[in-house]
Amino acid sequence: MSLANRFMATDNAFPPMDNMLPSMDTRLRARARVSPARDYFLVSMDICLAARDNRLLARAFSSVARDNRLLARAFSSVAMDTAPYQPR
């Protein structure tokens, strides 16, 4: 894979924070299957990128966390802002 393609893939996987991700976007979630530690990291990243309001936050958790232990760890380890997203 060329360097230009690698940069393009990174840009596509991590869109700018000003853009709202679609609630069913699975690009990050599809990669969260390597190890528990990596799962928690990608759950946090999903919240930072996709969860702009409470509804998307709940959607991110239900899509990523497939069992209760992962869900509980994600809630306890990620600091969440529950205020709705306000565009600039």
PDB file of N, CA and C in Angstrom:
ATOM      1  N   MET A   1       0.858  -1.191   0.000  1.00  0.00           N
ATOM      2  CA  MET A   1       0.000   0.000   0.000  1.00  0.00           C
ATOM      3  C   MET A   1       0.893   1.239   0.000  1.00  0.00           C
ATOM      4  N   SER A   2       0.653   2.127  -0.911  1.00  0.00           N
ATOM      5  CA  SER A   2       1.487   3.328  -1.002  1.00  0.00           C
ATOM      6  C   SER A   2       1.199   4.276   0.160  1.00  0.00           C
ATOM      7  N   LEU A   3       2.129   5.195   0.373  1.00  0.00           N
ATOM      8  CA  LEU A   3       1.971   6.170   1.454  1.00  0.00           C
ATOM      9  C   LEU A   3       0.730   7.027   1.244  1.00  0.00           C
ATOM     10  N   ALA A   4       0.481   7.427  -0.015  1.00  0.00           N
ATOM     11  CA  ALA A   4      -0.706   8.248  -0.304  1.00  0.00           C
ATOM     12  C   ALA A   4      -1.983   7.486   0.025  1.00  0.00           C
ATOM     13  N   ASN A   5      -2.022   6.198  -0.331  1.00  0.00           N
ATOM     14  CA  ASN A   5      -3.206   5.395  -0.019  1.00  0.00           C
ATOM     15  C   ASN A   5      -3.382   5.227   1.479  1.00  0.00           C
ATOM     16  N   ARG A   6      -2.263   5.080   2.199  1.00  0.00           N
ATOM     17  CA  ARG A   6      -2.352   4.941   3.645  1.00  0.00           C
ATOM     18  C   ARG A   6      -2.947   6.204   4.275  1.00  0.00           C
ATOM     19  N   PHE A   7      -2.499   7.376   3.805  1.00  0.00           N
ATOM     20  CA  PHE A   7      -3.057   8.626   4.324  1.00  0.00           C
ATOM     21  C   PHE A   7      -4.538   8.738   3.985  1.00  0.00           C
ATOM     22  N   MET A   8      -4.908   8.351   2.766  1.00  0.00           N
ATOM     23  CA  MET A   8      -6.308   8.429   2.365  1.00  0.00           C
ATOM     24  C   MET A   8      -7.154   7.488   3.222  1.00  0.00           C
ATOM     25  N   ALA A   9      -6.645   6.279   3.485  1.00  0.00           N
ATOM     26  CA  ALA A   9      -7.391   5.335   4.313  1.00  0.00           C
ATOM     27  C   ALA A   9      -7.574   5.894   5.717  1.00  0.00           C
ATOM     28  N   THR A  10      -6.532   6.536   6.253  1.00  0.00           N
ATOM     29  CA  THR A  10      -6.645   7.135   7.586  1.00  0.00           C
ATOM     30  C   THR A  10      -7.671   8.259   7.583  1.00  0.00           C
ATOM     31  N   ASP A  11      -7.631   9.092   6.547  1.00  0.00           N
ATOM     32  CA  ASP A  11      -8.606  10.187   6.468  1.00  0.00           C
ATOM     33  C   ASP A  11     -10.028   9.653   6.388  1.00  0.00           C
ATOM     34  N   ASN A  12     -10.233   8.570   5.651  1.00  0.00           N
ATOM     35  CA  ASN A  12     -11.572   8.004   5.524  1.00  0.00           C
ATOM     36  C   ASN A  12     -12.039   7.350   6.818  1.00  0.00           C
ATOM     37  N   ALA A  13     -11.113   6.738   7.553  1.00  0.00           N
ATOM     38  CA  ALA A  13     -11.500   6.048   8.785  1.00  0.00           C
ATOM     39  C   ALA A  13     -11.731   7.024   9.930  1.00  0.00           C
ATOM     40  N   PHE A  14     -11.062   8.164   9.914  1.00  0.00           N
ATOM     41  CA  PHE A  14     -11.193   9.134  10.993  1.00  0.00           C
ATOM     42  C   PHE A  14     -11.562  10.492  10.406  1.00  0.00           C
ATOM     43  N   PRO A  15     -12.838  10.716  10.101  1.00  0.00           N
ATOM     44  CA  PRO A  15     -13.242  11.977   9.485  1.00  0.00           C
ATOM     45  C   PRO A  15     -13.021  13.157  10.424  1.00  0.00           C
ATOM     46  N   PRO A  16     -12.977  14.371   9.899  1.00  0.00           N
ATOM     47  CA  PRO A  16     -12.787  15.549  10.752  1.00  0.00           C
ATOM     48  C   PRO A  16     -13.874  15.642  11.819  1.00  0.00           C
ATOM     49  N   MET A  17     -13.509  16.180  12.974  1.00  0.00           N
ATOM     50  CA  MET A  17     -14.461  16.252  14.088  1.00  0.00           C
ATOM     51  C   MET A  17     -15.653  17.145  13.765  1.00  0.00           C
ATOM     52  N   ASP A  18     -15.520  18.064  12.800  1.00  0.00           N
ATOM     53  CA  ASP A  18     -16.645  18.931  12.458  1.00  0.00           C
ATOM     54  C   ASP A  18     -17.753  18.184  11.734  1.00  0.00           C
ATOM     55  N   ASN A  19     -17.442  17.018  11.173  1.00  0.00           N
ATOM     56  CA  ASN A  19     -18.452  16.249  10.438  1.00  0.00           C
ATOM     57  C   ASN A  19     -19.106  15.221  11.353  1.00  0.00           C
ATOM     58  N   MET A  20     -20.413  15.110  11.278  1.00  0.00           N
ATOM     59  CA  MET A  20     -21.130  14.110  12.075  1.00  0.00           C
ATOM     60  C   MET A  20     -21.073  12.768  11.351  1.00  0.00           C
ATOM     61  N   LEU A  21     -20.625  11.726  12.051  1.00  0.00           N
ATOM     62  CA  LEU A  21     -20.630  10.401  11.443  1.00  0.00           C
ATOM     63  C   LEU A  21     -22.058   9.863  11.378  1.00  0.00           C
ATOM     64  N   PRO A  22     -22.405   9.121  10.345  1.00  0.00           N
ATOM     65  CA  PRO A  22     -23.720   8.468  10.340  1.00  0.00           C
ATOM     66  C   PRO A  22     -23.827   7.504  11.515  1.00  0.00           C
ATOM     67  N   SER A  23     -25.009   7.370  12.096  1.00  0.00           N
ATOM     68  CA  SER A  23     -25.163   6.552  13.296  1.00  0.00           C
ATOM     69  C   SER A  23     -24.884   5.078  13.032  1.00  0.00           C
ATOM     70  N   MET A  24     -25.001   4.622  11.804  1.00  0.00           N
ATOM     71  CA  MET A  24     -24.760   3.210  11.510  1.00  0.00           C
ATOM     72  C   MET A  24     -23.375   2.975  10.899  1.00  0.00           C
ATOM     73  N   ASP A  25     -22.488   3.965  10.952  1.00  0.00           N
ATOM     74  CA  ASP A  25     -21.144   3.821  10.401  1.00  0.00           C
ATOM     75  C   ASP A  25     -20.393   2.728  11.160  1.00  0.00           C
ATOM     76  N   THR A  26     -19.883   1.725  10.469  1.00  0.00           N
ATOM     77  CA  THR A  26     -19.231   0.594  11.138  1.00  0.00           C
ATOM     78  C   THR A  26     -17.743   0.508  10.825  1.00  0.00           C
ATOM     79  N   ARG A  27     -17.157   1.551  10.231  1.00  0.00           N
ATOM     80  CA  ARG A  27     -15.752   1.445   9.835  1.00  0.00           C
ATOM     81  C   ARG A  27     -14.836   1.193  11.025  1.00  0.00           C
ATOM     82  N   LEU A  28     -15.022   1.912  12.133  1.00  0.00           N
ATOM     83  CA  LEU A  28     -14.173   1.691  13.305  1.00  0.00           C
ATOM     84  C   LEU A  28     -14.579   0.427  14.036  1.00  0.00           C
ATOM     85  N   ARG A  29     -15.887   0.188  14.156  1.00  0.00           N
ATOM     86  CA  ARG A  29     -16.360  -0.962  14.915  1.00  0.00           C
ATOM     87  C   ARG A  29     -15.927  -2.284  14.280  1.00  0.00           C
ATOM     88  N   ALA A  30     -15.806  -2.320  12.978  1.00  0.00           N
ATOM     89  CA  ALA A  30     -15.429  -3.562  12.308  1.00  0.00           C
ATOM     90  C   ALA A  30     -14.028  -4.016  12.703  1.00  0.00           C
ATOM     91  N   ARG A  31     -13.168  -3.083  13.119  1.00  0.00           N
ATOM     92  CA  ARG A  31     -11.797  -3.447  13.467  1.00  0.00           C
ATOM     93  C   ARG A  31     -11.638  -3.783  14.943  1.00  0.00           C
ATOM     94  N   ALA A  32     -12.665  -3.650  15.750  1.00  0.00           N
ATOM     95  CA  ALA A  32     -12.536  -3.821  17.204  1.00  0.00           C
ATOM     96  C   ALA A  32     -12.727  -5.275  17.609  1.00  0.00           C
ATOM     97  N   ARG A  33     -11.937  -6.167  17.041  1.00  0.00           N
ATOM     98  CA  ARG A  33     -12.082  -7.581  17.348  1.00  0.00           C
ATOM     99  C   ARG A  33     -10.742  -8.247  17.640  1.00  0.00           C
ATOM    100  N   VAL A  34      -9.692  -7.459  17.892  1.00  0.00           N
ATOM    101  CA  VAL A  34      -8.354  -8.030  18.017  1.00  0.00           C
ATOM    102  C   VAL A  34      -8.092  -8.544  19.422  1.00  0.00           C
ATOM    103  N   SER A  35      -8.296  -7.709  20.427  1.00  0.00           N
ATOM    104  CA  SER A  35      -8.063  -8.101  21.818  1.00  0.00           C
ATOM    105  C   SER A  35      -8.926  -7.223  22.705  1.00  0.00           C
ATOM    106  N   PRO A  36      -9.176  -7.636  23.954  1.00  0.00           N
ATOM    107  CA  PRO A  36      -9.995  -6.794  24.842  1.00  0.00           C
ATOM    108  C   PRO A  36      -9.440  -5.380  24.997  1.00  0.00           C
ATOM    109  N   ALA A  37      -8.115  -5.242  25.154  1.00  0.00           N
ATOM    110  CA  ALA A  37      -7.540  -3.902  25.329  1.00  0.00           C
ATOM    111  C   ALA A  37      -7.810  -3.044  24.097  1.00  0.00           C
ATOM    112  N   ARG A  38      -7.658  -3.619  22.912  1.00  0.00           N
ATOM    113  CA  ARG A  38      -7.918  -2.871  21.678  1.00  0.00           C
ATOM    114  C   ARG A  38      -9.407  -2.555  21.550  1.00  0.00           C
ATOM    115  N   ASP A  39     -10.268  -3.481  21.979  1.00  0.00           N
ATOM    116  CA  ASP A  39     -11.709  -3.216  21.959  1.00  0.00           C
ATOM    117  C   ASP A  39     -12.033  -1.970  22.771  1.00  0.00           C
ATOM    118  N   TYR A  40     -11.501  -1.878  23.988  1.00  0.00           N
ATOM    119  CA  TYR A  40     -11.819  -0.727  24.835  1.00  0.00           C
ATOM    120  C   TYR A  40     -11.320   0.561  24.193  1.00  0.00           C
ATOM    121  N   PHE A  41     -10.129   0.514  23.612  1.00  0.00           N
ATOM    122  CA  PHE A  41      -9.579   1.712  22.969  1.00  0.00           C
ATOM    123  C   PHE A  41     -10.481   2.159  21.822  1.00  0.00           C
ATOM    124  N   LEU A  42     -10.948   1.227  20.992  1.00  0.00           N
ATOM    125  CA  LEU A  42     -11.782   1.607  19.859  1.00  0.00           C
ATOM    126  C   LEU A  42     -13.177   2.019  20.294  1.00  0.00           C
ATOM    127  N   VAL A  43     -13.680   1.457  21.401  1.00  0.00           N
ATOM    128  CA  VAL A  43     -14.953   1.947  21.949  1.00  0.00           C
ATOM    129  C   VAL A  43     -14.800   3.413  22.318  1.00  0.00           C
ATOM    130  N   SER A  44     -13.700   3.767  23.003  1.00  0.00           N
ATOM    131  CA  SER A  44     -13.471   5.165  23.371  1.00  0.00           C
ATOM    132  C   SER A  44     -13.381   6.032  22.128  1.00  0.00           C
ATOM    133  N   MET A  45     -12.689   5.540  21.104  1.00  0.00           N
ATOM    134  CA  MET A  45     -12.530   6.323  19.886  1.00  0.00           C
ATOM    135  C   MET A  45     -13.876   6.526  19.195  1.00  0.00           C
ATOM    136  N   ASP A  46     -14.726   5.486  19.207  1.00  0.00           N
ATOM    137  CA  ASP A  46     -16.074   5.633  18.651  1.00  0.00           C
ATOM    138  C   ASP A  46     -16.831   6.748  19.350  1.00  0.00           C
ATOM    139  N   ILE A  47     -16.728   6.802  20.677  1.00  0.00           N
ATOM    140  CA  ILE A  47     -17.454   7.825  21.429  1.00  0.00           C
ATOM    141  C   ILE A  47     -16.927   9.204  21.051  1.00  0.00           C
ATOM    142  N   CYS A  48     -15.602   9.342  20.937  1.00  0.00           N
ATOM    143  CA  CYS A  48     -15.032  10.640  20.576  1.00  0.00           C
ATOM    144  C   CYS A  48     -15.467  11.073  19.180  1.00  0.00           C
ATOM    145  N   LEU A  49     -15.516  10.138  18.231  1.00  0.00           N
ATOM    146  CA  LEU A  49     -15.786  10.497  16.842  1.00  0.00           C
ATOM    147  C   LEU A  49     -17.269  10.521  16.504  1.00  0.00           C
ATOM    148  N   ALA A  50     -18.024   9.542  16.998  1.00  0.00           N
ATOM    149  CA  ALA A  50     -19.391   9.348  16.505  1.00  0.00           C
ATOM    150  C   ALA A  50     -20.459   9.859  17.448  1.00  0.00           C
ATOM    151  N   ALA A  51     -20.216   9.826  18.749  1.00  0.00           N
ATOM    152  CA  ALA A  51     -21.291  10.108  19.687  1.00  0.00           C
ATOM    153  C   ALA A  51     -21.390  11.599  19.950  1.00  0.00           C
ATOM    154  N   ARG A  52     -22.108  12.307  19.094  1.00  0.00           N
ATOM    155  CA  ARG A  52     -22.255  13.749  19.241  1.00  0.00           C
ATOM    156  C   ARG A  52     -23.462  14.101  20.106  1.00  0.00           C
ATOM    157  N   ASP A  53     -24.365  13.176  20.298  1.00  0.00           N
ATOM    158  CA  ASP A  53     -25.484  13.386  21.220  1.00  0.00           C
ATOM    159  C   ASP A  53     -25.814  12.058  21.893  1.00  0.00           C
ATOM    160  N   ASN A  54     -26.727  12.084  22.854  1.00  0.00           N
ATOM    161  CA  ASN A  54     -26.985  10.896  23.667  1.00  0.00           C
ATOM    162  C   ASN A  54     -27.487   9.712  22.851  1.00  0.00           C
ATOM    163  N   ARG A  55     -28.266   9.972  21.812  1.00  0.00           N
ATOM    164  CA  ARG A  55     -28.787   8.867  21.008  1.00  0.00           C
ATOM    165  C   ARG A  55     -27.664   8.143  20.281  1.00  0.00           C
ATOM    166  N   LEU A  56     -26.711   8.901  19.717  1.00  0.00           N
ATOM    167  CA  LEU A  56     -25.591   8.259  19.031  1.00  0.00           C
ATOM    168  C   LEU A  56     -24.669   7.558  20.016  1.00  0.00           C
ATOM    169  N   LEU A  57     -24.538   8.088  21.218  1.00  0.00           N
ATOM    170  CA  LEU A  57     -23.722   7.443  22.239  1.00  0.00           C
ATOM    171  C   LEU A  57     -24.280   6.062  22.552  1.00  0.00           C
ATOM    172  N   ALA A  58     -25.595   5.978  22.762  1.00  0.00           N
ATOM    173  CA  ALA A  58     -26.218   4.682  23.037  1.00  0.00           C
ATOM    174  C   ALA A  58     -26.043   3.743  21.846  1.00  0.00           C
ATOM    175  N   ARG A  59     -26.142   4.257  20.636  1.00  0.00           N
ATOM    176  CA  ARG A  59     -25.994   3.448  19.427  1.00  0.00           C
ATOM    177  C   ARG A  59     -24.584   2.893  19.334  1.00  0.00           C
ATOM    178  N   ALA A  60     -23.588   3.732  19.666  1.00  0.00           N
ATOM    179  CA  ALA A  60     -22.197   3.275  19.597  1.00  0.00           C
ATOM    180  C   ALA A  60     -21.955   2.138  20.580  1.00  0.00           C
ATOM    181  N   PHE A  61     -22.478   2.264  21.805  1.00  0.00           N
ATOM    182  CA  PHE A  61     -22.290   1.202  22.789  1.00  0.00           C
ATOM    183  C   PHE A  61     -22.991  -0.082  22.367  1.00  0.00           C
ATOM    184  N   SER A  62     -24.234   0.022  21.877  1.00  0.00           N
ATOM    185  CA  SER A  62     -24.957  -1.200  21.534  1.00  0.00           C
ATOM    186  C   SER A  62     -24.351  -1.888  20.319  1.00  0.00           C
ATOM    187  N   SER A  63     -23.719  -1.127  19.427  1.00  0.00           N
ATOM    188  CA  SER A  63     -23.116  -1.728  18.237  1.00  0.00           C
ATOM    189  C   SER A  63     -21.756  -2.350  18.531  1.00  0.00           C
ATOM    190  N   VAL A  64     -20.977  -1.732  19.421  1.00  0.00           N
ATOM    191  CA  VAL A  64     -19.605  -2.188  19.646  1.00  0.00           C
ATOM    192  C   VAL A  64     -19.539  -3.245  20.729  1.00  0.00           C
ATOM    193  N   ALA A  65     -20.191  -3.011  21.855  1.00  0.00           N
ATOM    194  CA  ALA A  65     -20.035  -3.877  23.021  1.00  0.00           C
ATOM    195  C   ALA A  65     -20.972  -5.066  22.895  1.00  0.00           C
ATOM    196  N   ARG A  66     -20.437  -6.214  22.544  1.00  0.00           N
ATOM    197  CA  ARG A  66     -21.262  -7.393  22.281  1.00  0.00           C
ATOM    198  C   ARG A  66     -21.595  -8.181  23.547  1.00  0.00           C
ATOM    199  N   ASP A  67     -20.844  -7.993  24.625  1.00  0.00           N
ATOM    200  CA  ASP A  67     -21.208  -8.677  25.871  1.00  0.00           C
ATOM    201  C   ASP A  67     -21.200  -7.682  27.029  1.00  0.00           C
ATOM    202  N   ASN A  68     -21.831  -8.068  28.137  1.00  0.00           N
ATOM    203  CA  ASN A  68     -22.039  -7.130  29.251  1.00  0.00           C
ATOM    204  C   ASN A  68     -20.734  -6.698  29.901  1.00  0.00           C
ATOM    205  N   ARG A  69     -19.733  -7.582  29.930  1.00  0.00           N
ATOM    206  CA  ARG A  69     -18.473  -7.197  30.564  1.00  0.00           C
ATOM    207  C   ARG A  69     -17.798  -6.071  29.799  1.00  0.00           C
ATOM    208  N   LEU A  70     -17.769  -6.186  28.476  1.00  0.00           N
ATOM    209  CA  LEU A  70     -17.165  -5.122  27.670  1.00  0.00           C
ATOM    210  C   LEU A  70     -17.951  -3.828  27.819  1.00  0.00           C
ATOM    211  N   LEU A  71     -19.273  -3.932  27.841  1.00  0.00           N
ATOM    212  CA  LEU A  71     -20.112  -2.744  28.001  1.00  0.00           C
ATOM    213  C   LEU A  71     -19.828  -2.061  29.336  1.00  0.00           C
ATOM    214  N   ALA A  72     -19.756  -2.839  30.416  1.00  0.00           N
ATOM    215  CA  ALA A  72     -19.479  -2.260  31.733  1.00  0.00           C
ATOM    216  C   ALA A  72     -18.097  -1.616  31.772  1.00  0.00           C
ATOM    217  N   ARG A  73     -17.088  -2.277  31.192  1.00  0.00           N
ATOM    218  CA  ARG A  73     -15.751  -1.704  31.182  1.00  0.00           C
ATOM    219  C   ARG A  73     -15.721  -0.410  30.374  1.00  0.00           C
ATOM    220  N   ALA A  74     -16.447  -0.392  29.265  1.00  0.00           N
ATOM    221  CA  ALA A  74     -16.455   0.811  28.434  1.00  0.00           C
ATOM    222  C   ALA A  74     -17.068   1.978  29.191  1.00  0.00           C
ATOM    223  N   PHE A  75     -18.188   1.714  29.896  1.00  0.00           N
ATOM    224  CA  PHE A  75     -18.818   2.791  30.652  1.00  0.00           C
ATOM    225  C   PHE A  75     -17.918   3.278  31.778  1.00  0.00           C
ATOM    226  N   SER A  76     -17.217   2.368  32.461  1.00  0.00           N
ATOM    227  CA  SER A  76     -16.412   2.788  33.605  1.00  0.00           C
ATOM    228  C   SER A  76     -15.099   3.441  33.181  1.00  0.00           C
ATOM    229  N   SER A  77     -14.594   3.135  31.990  1.00  0.00           N
ATOM    230  CA  SER A  77     -13.267   3.638  31.621  1.00  0.00           C
ATOM    231  C   SER A  77     -13.298   4.859  30.709  1.00  0.00           C
ATOM    232  N   VAL A  78     -14.457   5.227  30.173  1.00  0.00           N
ATOM    233  CA  VAL A  78     -14.532   6.340  29.233  1.00  0.00           C
ATOM    234  C   VAL A  78     -15.284   7.497  29.875  1.00  0.00           C
ATOM    235  N   ALA A  79     -14.669   8.675  29.894  1.00  0.00           N
ATOM    236  CA  ALA A  79     -15.357   9.853  30.419  1.00  0.00           C
ATOM    237  C   ALA A  79     -16.293  10.375  29.343  1.00  0.00           C
ATOM    238  N   MET A  80     -17.596  10.409  29.654  1.00  0.00           N
ATOM    239  CA  MET A  80     -18.574  10.790  28.638  1.00  0.00           C
ATOM    240  C   MET A  80     -19.161  12.164  28.932  1.00  0.00           C
ATOM    241  N   ASP A  81     -19.283  12.951  27.898  1.00  0.00           N
ATOM    242  CA  ASP A  81     -19.971  14.227  27.982  1.00  0.00           C
ATOM    243  C   ASP A  81     -21.402  13.996  27.525  1.00  0.00           C
ATOM    244  N   THR A  82     -22.377  14.186  28.417  1.00  0.00           N
ATOM    245  CA  THR A  82     -23.767  13.866  28.075  1.00  0.00           C
ATOM    246  C   THR A  82     -24.512  15.057  27.487  1.00  0.00           C
ATOM    247  N   ALA A  83     -23.839  16.192  27.348  1.00  0.00           N
ATOM    248  CA  ALA A  83     -24.504  17.347  26.734  1.00  0.00           C
ATOM    249  C   ALA A  83     -24.692  17.089  25.244  1.00  0.00           C
ATOM    250  N   PRO A  84     -25.833  17.474  24.690  1.00  0.00           N
ATOM    251  CA  PRO A  84     -26.037  17.289  23.249  1.00  0.00           C
ATOM    252  C   PRO A  84     -25.004  18.074  22.448  1.00  0.00           C
ATOM    253  N   TYR A  85     -24.660  17.553  21.289  1.00  0.00           N
ATOM    254  CA  TYR A  85     -23.692  18.217  20.404  1.00  0.00           C
ATOM    255  C   TYR A  85     -24.293  19.506  19.865  1.00  0.00           C
ATOM    256  N   GLN A  86     -23.534  20.588  19.971  1.00  0.00           N
ATOM    257  CA  GLN A  86     -23.963  21.885  19.445  1.00  0.00           C
ATOM    258  C   GLN A  86     -23.017  22.282  18.321  1.00  0.00           C
ATOM    259  N   PRO A  87     -23.477  22.293  17.066  1.00  0.00           N
ATOM    260  CA  PRO A  87     -22.586  22.709  15.975  1.00  0.00           C
ATOM    261  C   PRO A  87     -22.117  24.145  16.163  1.00  0.00           C
ATOM    262  N   ARG A  88     -20.924  24.436  15.649  1.00  0.00           N
ATOM    263  CA  ARG A  88     -20.388  25.798  15.772  1.00  0.00           C
ATOM    264  C   ARG A  88     -21.172  26.776  14.953  1.00  0.00           C
TER     265      ARG A  88
END
